[in-house]
């Protein structure tokens, strides 16, 4: 099966807020992640949801445990912030 059609892990906000980002940023990111019109304004079209949110850098994948997290939130698995994940901090 082509990678484009393989199911990817869902994103999460369960790690709690990442202090490196403010609340307005978190609200805006969450609004984009849940926007039913996301595909309508995505450049180029033809991408699936997982491709869009990754290309728009609305989510990040933890290098420690592979959890996919909304930008602005700590990892739901290891609890690290995006900037410190995998650095032992």
N, C-alpha and C. Protein backbone atom coordinates (compact mmCIF):
# COMPACT_ATOMS: atom_id res chain seq x y z
N UNK A 1 0.84 -1.17 0.00
CA UNK A 1 0.00 0.00 0.00
C UNK A 1 0.89 1.24 0.00
N UNK A 2 0.62 2.22 -0.88
CA UNK A 2 1.43 3.43 -0.91
C UNK A 2 1.38 4.15 0.43
N UNK A 3 2.50 4.79 0.79
CA UNK A 3 2.57 5.50 2.08
C UNK A 3 1.45 6.52 2.22
N UNK A 4 1.09 7.17 1.15
CA UNK A 4 0.03 8.19 1.18
C UNK A 4 -1.26 7.66 1.79
N UNK A 5 -1.53 6.37 1.65
CA UNK A 5 -2.79 5.81 2.13
C UNK A 5 -2.66 5.02 3.41
N UNK A 6 -1.47 4.96 3.96
CA UNK A 6 -1.28 4.25 5.22
C UNK A 6 -1.79 5.12 6.35
N UNK A 7 -2.46 4.49 7.30
CA UNK A 7 -3.00 5.23 8.45
C UNK A 7 -1.84 5.68 9.33
N UNK A 8 -1.88 6.95 9.73
CA UNK A 8 -0.86 7.49 10.61
C UNK A 8 -1.46 7.69 11.99
N UNK A 9 -0.59 7.81 12.97
CA UNK A 9 -1.04 8.00 14.34
C UNK A 9 -1.80 9.31 14.48
N UNK A 10 -2.89 9.30 15.26
CA UNK A 10 -3.62 10.56 15.49
C UNK A 10 -2.81 11.50 16.38
N UNK A 11 -3.04 12.78 16.23
CA UNK A 11 -2.35 13.76 17.06
C UNK A 11 -3.07 13.88 18.40
N UNK A 12 -2.35 14.46 19.37
CA UNK A 12 -2.89 14.57 20.72
C UNK A 12 -2.49 15.89 21.37
N UNK A 13 -3.28 16.32 22.33
CA UNK A 13 -2.95 17.45 23.19
C UNK A 13 -2.83 16.98 24.63
N UNK A 14 -2.84 15.66 24.82
CA UNK A 14 -2.88 15.07 26.16
C UNK A 14 -1.63 15.34 27.00
N UNK A 15 -0.53 15.76 26.39
CA UNK A 15 0.68 16.05 27.15
C UNK A 15 0.62 17.35 27.92
N UNK A 16 -0.40 18.14 27.65
CA UNK A 16 -0.54 19.42 28.32
C UNK A 16 0.22 20.51 27.59
N UNK A 17 -0.02 21.75 27.96
CA UNK A 17 0.61 22.87 27.28
C UNK A 17 2.14 22.84 27.35
N UNK A 18 2.76 23.19 26.24
CA UNK A 18 4.21 23.38 26.17
C UNK A 18 4.44 24.85 26.48
N UNK A 19 5.15 25.13 27.56
CA UNK A 19 5.35 26.50 28.02
C UNK A 19 6.10 27.38 27.02
N UNK A 20 6.71 26.78 26.01
CA UNK A 20 7.41 27.55 24.98
C UNK A 20 6.44 28.26 24.04
N UNK A 21 5.16 27.94 24.13
CA UNK A 21 4.13 28.51 23.27
C UNK A 21 3.05 29.14 24.14
N UNK A 22 2.49 30.24 23.67
CA UNK A 22 1.43 30.90 24.42
C UNK A 22 0.05 30.32 24.13
N UNK A 23 -0.89 30.64 24.98
CA UNK A 23 -2.25 30.15 24.81
C UNK A 23 -2.89 30.59 23.50
N UNK A 24 -2.71 31.84 23.06
CA UNK A 24 -3.30 32.22 21.76
C UNK A 24 -2.77 31.35 20.61
N UNK A 25 -1.48 31.01 20.66
CA UNK A 25 -0.91 30.14 19.63
C UNK A 25 -1.56 28.76 19.69
N UNK A 26 -1.71 28.20 20.91
CA UNK A 26 -2.33 26.88 21.04
C UNK A 26 -3.76 26.88 20.52
N UNK A 27 -4.51 27.92 20.83
CA UNK A 27 -5.90 28.01 20.35
C UNK A 27 -5.94 28.07 18.83
N UNK A 28 -5.05 28.87 18.24
CA UNK A 28 -5.02 29.00 16.79
C UNK A 28 -4.64 27.68 16.11
N UNK A 29 -3.65 26.99 16.67
CA UNK A 29 -3.23 25.71 16.10
C UNK A 29 -4.36 24.69 16.18
N UNK A 30 -5.02 24.62 17.34
CA UNK A 30 -6.13 23.68 17.51
C UNK A 30 -7.27 24.00 16.54
N UNK A 31 -7.54 25.29 16.35
CA UNK A 31 -8.59 25.69 15.41
C UNK A 31 -8.26 25.21 14.00
N UNK A 32 -7.00 25.33 13.60
CA UNK A 32 -6.60 24.86 12.27
C UNK A 32 -6.69 23.34 12.17
N UNK A 33 -6.27 22.65 13.20
CA UNK A 33 -6.30 21.18 13.18
C UNK A 33 -7.72 20.64 13.08
N UNK A 34 -8.68 21.37 13.58
CA UNK A 34 -10.07 20.90 13.58
C UNK A 34 -10.94 21.61 12.56
N UNK A 35 -10.34 22.44 11.71
CA UNK A 35 -11.08 23.19 10.71
C UNK A 35 -11.59 22.27 9.61
N UNK A 36 -12.91 22.17 9.43
CA UNK A 36 -13.44 21.30 8.38
C UNK A 36 -13.11 21.79 6.97
N UNK A 37 -12.67 23.05 6.85
CA UNK A 37 -12.32 23.62 5.55
C UNK A 37 -10.81 23.60 5.27
N UNK A 38 -10.06 22.87 6.08
CA UNK A 38 -8.60 22.85 5.94
C UNK A 38 -8.17 22.53 4.51
N UNK A 39 -8.77 21.55 3.92
CA UNK A 39 -8.39 21.15 2.57
C UNK A 39 -8.66 22.25 1.54
N UNK A 40 -9.68 23.05 1.77
CA UNK A 40 -10.06 24.08 0.80
C UNK A 40 -8.97 25.13 0.63
N UNK A 41 -8.22 25.44 1.68
CA UNK A 41 -7.18 26.46 1.53
C UNK A 41 -5.77 25.90 1.56
N UNK A 42 -5.64 24.57 1.58
CA UNK A 42 -4.32 23.96 1.54
C UNK A 42 -3.72 24.13 0.15
N UNK A 43 -2.49 24.66 0.05
CA UNK A 43 -1.87 24.89 -1.27
C UNK A 43 -1.69 23.59 -2.05
N UNK A 44 -2.08 23.62 -3.29
CA UNK A 44 -1.86 22.48 -4.18
C UNK A 44 -2.96 21.45 -4.16
N UNK A 45 -3.66 21.29 -3.07
CA UNK A 45 -4.74 20.30 -2.98
C UNK A 45 -4.22 18.88 -3.16
N UNK A 46 -5.10 17.93 -3.11
CA UNK A 46 -4.77 16.54 -3.33
C UNK A 46 -4.11 15.81 -2.18
N UNK A 47 -3.89 16.48 -1.07
CA UNK A 47 -3.24 15.84 0.08
C UNK A 47 -4.31 15.32 1.04
N UNK A 48 -3.97 14.27 1.76
CA UNK A 48 -4.90 13.82 2.79
C UNK A 48 -4.65 14.61 4.07
N UNK A 49 -5.53 14.44 5.05
CA UNK A 49 -5.46 15.22 6.29
C UNK A 49 -4.09 15.10 6.96
N UNK A 50 -3.59 13.88 7.12
CA UNK A 50 -2.30 13.68 7.78
C UNK A 50 -1.17 14.41 7.05
N UNK A 51 -1.19 14.36 5.74
CA UNK A 51 -0.17 15.07 4.96
C UNK A 51 -0.29 16.58 5.16
N UNK A 52 -1.52 17.08 5.17
CA UNK A 52 -1.72 18.52 5.32
C UNK A 52 -1.22 19.02 6.67
N UNK A 53 -1.61 18.37 7.77
CA UNK A 53 -1.23 18.89 9.09
C UNK A 53 0.27 18.79 9.31
N UNK A 54 0.91 17.81 8.70
CA UNK A 54 2.36 17.71 8.81
C UNK A 54 3.05 18.76 7.94
N UNK A 55 2.57 18.94 6.71
CA UNK A 55 3.17 19.93 5.82
C UNK A 55 3.01 21.34 6.38
N UNK A 56 1.90 21.60 7.05
CA UNK A 56 1.65 22.91 7.65
C UNK A 56 2.32 23.04 9.01
N UNK A 57 3.00 21.99 9.45
CA UNK A 57 3.70 21.96 10.73
C UNK A 57 2.78 22.29 11.90
N UNK A 58 1.59 21.69 11.86
CA UNK A 58 0.62 21.85 12.95
C UNK A 58 0.79 20.75 13.99
N UNK A 59 1.52 19.70 13.65
CA UNK A 59 1.80 18.60 14.57
C UNK A 59 3.29 18.29 14.55
N UNK A 60 3.75 17.63 15.59
CA UNK A 60 5.14 17.19 15.64
C UNK A 60 5.17 15.76 16.20
N UNK A 61 6.10 14.97 15.69
CA UNK A 61 6.25 13.59 16.13
C UNK A 61 7.44 13.51 17.07
N UNK A 62 7.20 12.99 18.26
CA UNK A 62 8.25 12.89 19.27
C UNK A 62 9.32 11.89 18.82
N UNK A 63 10.58 12.30 18.82
CA UNK A 63 11.65 11.39 18.43
C UNK A 63 11.92 10.31 19.48
N UNK A 64 11.41 10.50 20.68
CA UNK A 64 11.63 9.52 21.76
C UNK A 64 10.68 8.35 21.64
N UNK A 65 9.38 8.63 21.46
CA UNK A 65 8.39 7.56 21.51
C UNK A 65 7.42 7.52 20.33
N UNK A 66 7.56 8.45 19.39
CA UNK A 66 6.73 8.43 18.20
C UNK A 66 5.33 9.01 18.35
N UNK A 67 4.98 9.51 19.54
CA UNK A 67 3.67 10.13 19.69
C UNK A 67 3.57 11.35 18.78
N UNK A 68 2.41 11.55 18.19
CA UNK A 68 2.16 12.72 17.35
C UNK A 68 1.37 13.71 18.19
N UNK A 69 1.90 14.92 18.32
CA UNK A 69 1.34 15.92 19.20
C UNK A 69 1.04 17.20 18.44
N UNK A 70 0.00 17.91 18.87
CA UNK A 70 -0.29 19.22 18.29
C UNK A 70 0.85 20.16 18.70
N UNK A 71 1.28 21.01 17.78
CA UNK A 71 2.30 22.00 18.11
C UNK A 71 1.72 22.90 19.20
N UNK A 72 2.54 23.17 20.21
CA UNK A 72 2.10 23.97 21.34
C UNK A 72 1.79 23.11 22.56
N UNK A 73 1.90 21.80 22.38
CA UNK A 73 1.63 20.85 23.47
C UNK A 73 2.82 19.92 23.64
N UNK A 74 3.05 19.50 24.88
CA UNK A 74 4.11 18.54 25.19
C UNK A 74 3.71 17.17 24.68
N UNK A 75 4.69 16.30 24.60
CA UNK A 75 4.46 14.93 24.15
C UNK A 75 3.54 14.20 25.11
N UNK A 76 2.53 13.55 24.57
CA UNK A 76 1.58 12.79 25.37
C UNK A 76 2.23 11.54 25.97
N UNK A 77 3.36 11.11 25.42
CA UNK A 77 4.03 9.92 25.92
C UNK A 77 5.08 10.23 26.97
N UNK A 78 6.10 10.98 26.57
CA UNK A 78 7.23 11.23 27.48
C UNK A 78 7.12 12.54 28.24
N UNK A 79 6.21 13.43 27.82
CA UNK A 79 6.01 14.69 28.52
C UNK A 79 6.96 15.81 28.14
N UNK A 80 7.87 15.56 27.21
CA UNK A 80 8.84 16.59 26.81
C UNK A 80 8.18 17.63 25.89
N UNK A 81 8.73 18.83 25.93
CA UNK A 81 8.31 19.86 24.99
C UNK A 81 8.93 19.60 23.64
N UNK A 82 8.38 20.21 22.62
CA UNK A 82 8.88 19.98 21.25
C UNK A 82 10.37 20.31 21.12
N UNK A 83 10.82 21.39 21.73
CA UNK A 83 12.22 21.81 21.59
C UNK A 83 13.19 20.91 22.34
N UNK A 84 12.71 20.23 23.38
CA UNK A 84 13.60 19.42 24.19
C UNK A 84 13.45 17.92 24.00
N UNK A 85 12.45 17.49 23.27
CA UNK A 85 12.22 16.06 23.07
C UNK A 85 13.44 15.39 22.46
N UNK A 86 13.88 14.33 23.06
CA UNK A 86 15.02 13.58 22.55
C UNK A 86 16.37 14.12 22.96
N UNK A 87 16.38 15.19 23.73
CA UNK A 87 17.65 15.80 24.15
C UNK A 87 17.98 15.49 25.59
N UNK A 88 17.16 14.67 26.22
CA UNK A 88 17.43 14.30 27.61
C UNK A 88 17.05 15.37 28.61
N UNK A 89 16.35 16.38 28.16
CA UNK A 89 15.94 17.47 29.06
C UNK A 89 14.54 17.27 29.58
